[in-house]
Amino acid sequence: MNSDSMGKKIREYRSKQGWSIEECSEKIGISAQYLGNIERGNKVPQLKTFIKMLNVLNASADDVLQDSLTVGYKNKSNDLLSKIEELDVEHKRQAIEIFESVISILKNSKNTL
């Protein structure tokens, strides 16, 4: 599990709320030190704490965990496919061409690293 990525996402959601670590940790019911450790990726919260944290921060688990779980990318991919399906035929074709170009570029850049 990529706890650094998860911690950064939690910090982003907290910052969007405009809360300090102290304010947020109080709302969640955990210590500021513990929340700081989670945000730095040093600790992974227990499931009960994680769910409470997501609810307090109004965050979705798939967004917070997307870099830690391959399933998060599948959800994002399905969302993109649904959005493409809503387009007219010409825009669908254009969107697919754009994605194919980007994927090709990314594959080629991966081979050069």
N, C-alpha and C. Protein backbone atom coordinates (compact mmCIF):
# COMPACT_ATOMS: atom_id res chain seq x y z
N MET A 1 0.84 -1.19 0.00
CA MET A 1 0.00 0.00 0.00
C MET A 1 0.88 1.24 0.00
N ASN A 2 0.52 2.21 -0.79
CA ASN A 2 1.27 3.46 -0.87
C ASN A 2 0.68 4.45 0.14
N SER A 3 1.18 4.37 1.37
CA SER A 3 0.62 5.21 2.43
C SER A 3 1.03 6.68 2.25
N ASP A 4 2.14 6.94 1.55
CA ASP A 4 2.52 8.34 1.28
C ASP A 4 1.46 9.03 0.43
N SER A 5 1.03 8.34 -0.62
CA SER A 5 0.02 8.89 -1.51
C SER A 5 -1.30 9.11 -0.78
N MET A 6 -1.70 8.12 0.01
CA MET A 6 -2.93 8.22 0.77
C MET A 6 -2.86 9.43 1.72
N GLY A 7 -1.74 9.58 2.40
CA GLY A 7 -1.56 10.69 3.33
C GLY A 7 -1.63 12.05 2.65
N LYS A 8 -1.03 12.14 1.47
CA LYS A 8 -1.07 13.40 0.71
C LYS A 8 -2.49 13.75 0.32
N LYS A 9 -3.26 12.75 -0.09
CA LYS A 9 -4.65 12.99 -0.47
C LYS A 9 -5.46 13.46 0.74
N ILE A 10 -5.23 12.84 1.89
CA ILE A 10 -5.95 13.24 3.10
C ILE A 10 -5.59 14.68 3.45
N ARG A 11 -4.32 15.02 3.34
CA ARG A 11 -3.88 16.39 3.60
C ARG A 11 -4.56 17.37 2.62
N GLU A 12 -4.68 16.98 1.36
CA GLU A 12 -5.35 17.84 0.37
C GLU A 12 -6.80 18.09 0.75
N TYR A 13 -7.50 17.04 1.15
CA TYR A 13 -8.90 17.20 1.55
C TYR A 13 -9.01 18.08 2.80
N ARG A 14 -8.10 17.90 3.74
CA ARG A 14 -8.12 18.73 4.95
C ARG A 14 -7.88 20.19 4.59
N SER A 15 -6.92 20.42 3.71
CA SER A 15 -6.60 21.79 3.29
C SER A 15 -7.78 22.44 2.57
N LYS A 16 -8.48 21.66 1.75
CA LYS A 16 -9.66 22.19 1.05
C LYS A 16 -10.71 22.67 2.04
N GLN A 17 -10.79 22.01 3.19
CA GLN A 17 -11.74 22.42 4.23
C GLN A 17 -11.25 23.65 4.98
N GLY A 18 -9.94 23.94 4.83
CA GLY A 18 -9.37 25.08 5.55
C GLY A 18 -9.08 24.78 7.01
N TRP A 19 -8.93 23.51 7.34
CA TRP A 19 -8.71 23.11 8.72
C TRP A 19 -7.25 22.87 9.02
N SER A 20 -6.84 23.23 10.22
CA SER A 20 -5.52 22.85 10.72
C SER A 20 -5.56 21.37 11.09
N ILE A 21 -4.39 20.79 11.32
CA ILE A 21 -4.35 19.39 11.76
C ILE A 21 -5.12 19.24 13.07
N GLU A 22 -4.97 20.21 13.95
CA GLU A 22 -5.66 20.15 15.25
C GLU A 22 -7.18 20.17 15.08
N GLU A 23 -7.68 21.08 14.23
CA GLU A 23 -9.13 21.16 14.02
C GLU A 23 -9.67 19.88 13.42
N CYS A 24 -8.98 19.39 12.41
CA CYS A 24 -9.43 18.19 11.71
C CYS A 24 -9.38 16.97 12.62
N SER A 25 -8.29 16.81 13.34
CA SER A 25 -8.16 15.64 14.21
C SER A 25 -9.24 15.63 15.29
N GLU A 26 -9.60 16.81 15.78
CA GLU A 26 -10.66 16.89 16.78
C GLU A 26 -12.00 16.44 16.20
N LYS A 27 -12.28 16.84 14.96
CA LYS A 27 -13.52 16.44 14.31
C LYS A 27 -13.57 14.93 14.07
N ILE A 28 -12.40 14.36 13.76
CA ILE A 28 -12.32 12.91 13.51
C ILE A 28 -12.34 12.12 14.81
N GLY A 29 -11.78 12.72 15.86
CA GLY A 29 -11.70 12.04 17.15
C GLY A 29 -10.40 11.30 17.34
N ILE A 30 -9.33 11.84 16.74
CA ILE A 30 -8.00 11.26 16.90
C ILE A 30 -7.04 12.37 17.29
N SER A 31 -5.83 12.02 17.69
CA SER A 31 -4.87 13.05 18.09
C SER A 31 -4.27 13.72 16.85
N ALA A 32 -3.85 14.95 17.03
CA ALA A 32 -3.20 15.69 15.95
C ALA A 32 -1.91 14.99 15.51
N GLN A 33 -1.22 14.41 16.47
CA GLN A 33 0.02 13.69 16.16
C GLN A 33 -0.27 12.49 15.26
N TYR A 34 -1.32 11.76 15.57
CA TYR A 34 -1.69 10.60 14.78
C TYR A 34 -2.09 11.01 13.36
N LEU A 35 -2.88 12.07 13.24
CA LEU A 35 -3.27 12.57 11.92
C LEU A 35 -2.05 13.02 11.14
N GLY A 36 -1.12 13.69 11.80
CA GLY A 36 0.12 14.11 11.14
C GLY A 36 0.90 12.91 10.62
N ASN A 37 0.96 11.86 11.42
CA ASN A 37 1.65 10.63 10.99
C ASN A 37 0.96 9.99 9.79
N ILE A 38 -0.36 10.03 9.76
CA ILE A 38 -1.11 9.49 8.62
C ILE A 38 -0.81 10.33 7.38
N GLU A 39 -0.86 11.65 7.52
CA GLU A 39 -0.62 12.54 6.38
C GLU A 39 0.81 12.40 5.83
N ARG A 40 1.75 12.09 6.68
CA ARG A 40 3.15 11.91 6.24
C ARG A 40 3.41 10.50 5.70
N GLY A 41 2.42 9.63 5.82
CA GLY A 41 2.57 8.26 5.34
C GLY A 41 3.27 7.35 6.31
N ASN A 42 3.44 7.80 7.56
CA ASN A 42 4.10 6.98 8.58
C ASN A 42 3.17 5.98 9.22
N LYS A 43 1.87 6.26 9.18
CA LYS A 43 0.86 5.38 9.78
C LYS A 43 -0.27 5.16 8.80
N VAL A 44 -0.91 4.01 8.90
CA VAL A 44 -2.12 3.71 8.15
C VAL A 44 -3.24 3.55 9.17
N PRO A 45 -4.32 4.32 9.02
CA PRO A 45 -5.39 4.25 10.03
C PRO A 45 -6.14 2.93 9.97
N GLN A 46 -6.71 2.56 11.11
CA GLN A 46 -7.61 1.41 11.14
C GLN A 46 -8.84 1.74 10.30
N LEU A 47 -9.51 0.72 9.82
CA LEU A 47 -10.64 0.91 8.92
C LEU A 47 -11.70 1.83 9.52
N LYS A 48 -12.04 1.63 10.78
CA LYS A 48 -13.06 2.46 11.44
C LYS A 48 -12.64 3.93 11.42
N THR A 49 -11.38 4.19 11.72
CA THR A 49 -10.86 5.56 11.71
C THR A 49 -10.83 6.12 10.30
N PHE A 50 -10.44 5.30 9.34
CA PHE A 50 -10.37 5.73 7.95
C PHE A 50 -11.74 6.15 7.44
N ILE A 51 -12.76 5.35 7.74
CA ILE A 51 -14.12 5.68 7.31
C ILE A 51 -14.60 6.97 7.95
N LYS A 52 -14.34 7.13 9.24
CA LYS A 52 -14.74 8.37 9.92
C LYS A 52 -14.02 9.56 9.29
N MET A 53 -12.73 9.39 9.00
CA MET A 53 -11.92 10.44 8.38
C MET A 53 -12.51 10.85 7.02
N LEU A 54 -12.86 9.86 6.20
CA LEU A 54 -13.45 10.14 4.89
C LEU A 54 -14.76 10.89 5.03
N ASN A 55 -15.59 10.48 5.97
CA ASN A 55 -16.88 11.15 6.17
C ASN A 55 -16.70 12.59 6.65
N VAL A 56 -15.78 12.80 7.58
CA VAL A 56 -15.53 14.15 8.09
C VAL A 56 -14.98 15.05 6.98
N LEU A 57 -14.09 14.50 6.15
CA LEU A 57 -13.46 15.28 5.09
C LEU A 57 -14.28 15.35 3.81
N ASN A 58 -15.41 14.62 3.79
CA ASN A 58 -16.25 14.54 2.60
C ASN A 58 -15.41 14.06 1.41
N ALA A 59 -14.63 12.99 1.65
CA ALA A 59 -13.72 12.44 0.66
C ALA A 59 -14.19 11.05 0.24
N SER A 60 -13.89 10.69 -0.99
CA SER A 60 -14.23 9.34 -1.44
C SER A 60 -13.03 8.42 -1.30
N ALA A 61 -13.29 7.19 -0.90
CA ALA A 61 -12.22 6.22 -0.68
C ALA A 61 -11.47 5.93 -1.98
N ASP A 62 -12.18 5.85 -3.12
CA ASP A 62 -11.48 5.54 -4.36
C ASP A 62 -10.54 6.66 -4.76
N ASP A 63 -10.87 7.90 -4.45
CA ASP A 63 -9.97 9.00 -4.75
C ASP A 63 -8.74 8.97 -3.83
N VAL A 64 -8.97 8.77 -2.56
CA VAL A 64 -7.87 8.76 -1.59
C VAL A 64 -6.94 7.58 -1.84
N LEU A 65 -7.49 6.46 -2.25
CA LEU A 65 -6.70 5.24 -2.41
C LEU A 65 -6.29 4.94 -3.86
N GLN A 66 -6.64 5.80 -4.80
CA GLN A 66 -6.43 5.46 -6.21
C GLN A 66 -4.99 5.14 -6.58
N ASP A 67 -4.02 5.74 -5.92
CA ASP A 67 -2.62 5.43 -6.22
C ASP A 67 -2.11 4.22 -5.45
N SER A 68 -2.92 3.72 -4.55
CA SER A 68 -2.53 2.55 -3.77
C SER A 68 -3.17 1.27 -4.28
N LEU A 69 -4.31 1.40 -4.96
CA LEU A 69 -5.05 0.23 -5.42
C LEU A 69 -5.27 0.31 -6.93
N THR A 70 -5.05 -0.77 -7.62
CA THR A 70 -5.28 -0.78 -9.06
C THR A 70 -6.75 -0.61 -9.39
N VAL A 71 -7.63 -1.01 -8.50
CA VAL A 71 -9.06 -0.89 -8.73
C VAL A 71 -9.49 0.58 -8.83
N GLY A 72 -8.78 1.48 -8.15
CA GLY A 72 -9.10 2.90 -8.24
C GLY A 72 -8.98 3.42 -9.65
N TYR A 73 -7.98 2.93 -10.38
CA TYR A 73 -7.81 3.34 -11.76
C TYR A 73 -8.89 2.74 -12.65
N LYS A 74 -9.34 1.54 -12.30
CA LYS A 74 -10.42 0.94 -13.08
C LYS A 74 -11.68 1.77 -12.94
N ASN A 75 -11.95 2.26 -11.73
CA ASN A 75 -13.13 3.11 -11.52
C ASN A 75 -13.02 4.40 -12.32
N LYS A 76 -11.84 5.02 -12.28
CA LYS A 76 -11.64 6.26 -13.04
C LYS A 76 -11.79 5.98 -14.53
N SER A 77 -11.25 4.86 -15.00
CA SER A 77 -11.36 4.49 -16.42
C SER A 77 -12.82 4.31 -16.81
N ASN A 78 -13.58 3.64 -15.96
CA ASN A 78 -15.00 3.44 -16.25
C ASN A 78 -15.74 4.77 -16.29
N ASP A 79 -15.38 5.70 -15.42
CA ASP A 79 -16.00 7.02 -15.43
C ASP A 79 -15.70 7.74 -16.75
N LEU A 80 -14.45 7.63 -17.21
CA LEU A 80 -14.09 8.25 -18.48
C LEU A 80 -14.85 7.63 -19.64
N LEU A 81 -14.96 6.31 -19.63
CA LEU A 81 -15.70 5.62 -20.69
C LEU A 81 -17.16 6.06 -20.71
N SER A 82 -17.74 6.22 -19.55
CA SER A 82 -19.14 6.69 -19.48
C SER A 82 -19.28 8.09 -20.06
N LYS A 83 -18.30 8.94 -19.77
CA LYS A 83 -18.34 10.31 -20.30
C LYS A 83 -18.18 10.31 -21.81
N ILE A 84 -17.32 9.44 -22.32
CA ILE A 84 -17.15 9.33 -23.78
C ILE A 84 -18.44 8.87 -24.43
N GLU A 85 -19.12 7.92 -23.80
CA GLU A 85 -20.37 7.40 -24.35
C GLU A 85 -21.44 8.49 -24.48
N GLU A 86 -21.35 9.53 -23.68
CA GLU A 86 -22.34 10.61 -23.72
C GLU A 86 -22.11 11.55 -24.90
N LEU A 87 -20.94 11.46 -25.54
CA LEU A 87 -20.60 12.35 -26.64
C LEU A 87 -21.27 11.92 -27.94
N ASP A 88 -21.38 12.88 -28.89
CA ASP A 88 -21.86 12.50 -30.21
C ASP A 88 -20.75 11.73 -30.93
N VAL A 89 -21.09 11.13 -32.05
CA VAL A 89 -20.18 10.21 -32.74
C VAL A 89 -18.85 10.87 -33.09
N GLU A 90 -18.87 12.07 -33.61
CA GLU A 90 -17.62 12.74 -34.01
C GLU A 90 -16.73 13.05 -32.80
N HIS A 91 -17.33 13.50 -31.72
CA HIS A 91 -16.55 13.78 -30.53
C HIS A 91 -16.02 12.50 -29.87
N LYS A 92 -16.78 11.41 -29.96
CA LYS A 92 -16.28 10.11 -29.48
C LYS A 92 -15.02 9.73 -30.23
N ARG A 93 -15.06 9.86 -31.56
CA ARG A 93 -13.92 9.52 -32.39
C ARG A 93 -12.71 10.37 -32.01
N GLN A 94 -12.92 11.66 -31.83
CA GLN A 94 -11.83 12.55 -31.44
C GLN A 94 -11.25 12.19 -30.08
N ALA A 95 -12.13 11.90 -29.12
CA ALA A 95 -11.67 11.55 -27.78
C ALA A 95 -10.83 10.27 -27.81
N ILE A 96 -11.29 9.30 -28.57
CA ILE A 96 -10.55 8.03 -28.66
C ILE A 96 -9.20 8.25 -29.32
N GLU A 97 -9.14 9.07 -30.37
CA GLU A 97 -7.86 9.38 -31.01
C GLU A 97 -6.90 10.06 -30.04
N ILE A 98 -7.42 10.96 -29.24
CA ILE A 98 -6.59 11.66 -28.26
C ILE A 98 -6.04 10.67 -27.23
N PHE A 99 -6.91 9.83 -26.70
CA PHE A 99 -6.45 8.84 -25.72
C PHE A 99 -5.41 7.90 -26.32
N GLU A 100 -5.65 7.44 -27.54
CA GLU A 100 -4.69 6.54 -28.18
C GLU A 100 -3.34 7.23 -28.37
N SER A 101 -3.35 8.51 -28.73
CA SER A 101 -2.09 9.26 -28.89
C SER A 101 -1.37 9.40 -27.56
N VAL A 102 -2.09 9.75 -26.52
CA VAL A 102 -1.49 9.91 -25.20
C VAL A 102 -0.92 8.59 -24.70
N ILE A 103 -1.66 7.52 -24.87
CA ILE A 103 -1.18 6.20 -24.44
C ILE A 103 0.09 5.82 -25.19
N SER A 104 0.11 6.08 -26.48
CA SER A 104 1.30 5.79 -27.28
C SER A 104 2.51 6.57 -26.79
N ILE A 105 2.32 7.84 -26.52
CA ILE A 105 3.41 8.68 -26.02
C ILE A 105 3.90 8.17 -24.67
N LEU A 106 2.98 7.82 -23.78
CA LEU A 106 3.36 7.34 -22.45
C LEU A 106 4.10 6.01 -22.54
N LYS A 107 3.66 5.12 -23.41
CA LYS A 107 4.35 3.83 -23.58
C LYS A 107 5.77 4.05 -24.09
N ASN A 108 5.92 4.97 -25.05
CA ASN A 108 7.25 5.25 -25.60
C ASN A 108 8.15 5.92 -24.58
N SER A 109 7.59 6.80 -23.75
CA SER A 109 8.42 7.46 -22.73
C SER A 109 8.83 6.48 -21.65
N LYS A 110 8.02 5.47 -21.38
CA LYS A 110 8.34 4.44 -20.41
C LYS A 110 9.54 3.62 -20.86
N ASN A 111 9.60 3.38 -22.14
CA ASN A 111 10.71 2.59 -22.70
C ASN A 111 12.02 3.35 -22.72
N THR A 112 11.95 4.68 -22.64
CA THR A 112 13.19 5.48 -22.68
C THR A 112 13.73 5.78 -21.29
N LEU A 113 12.97 5.48 -20.25
CA LEU A 113 13.42 5.77 -18.88
C LEU A 113 14.44 4.79 -18.40
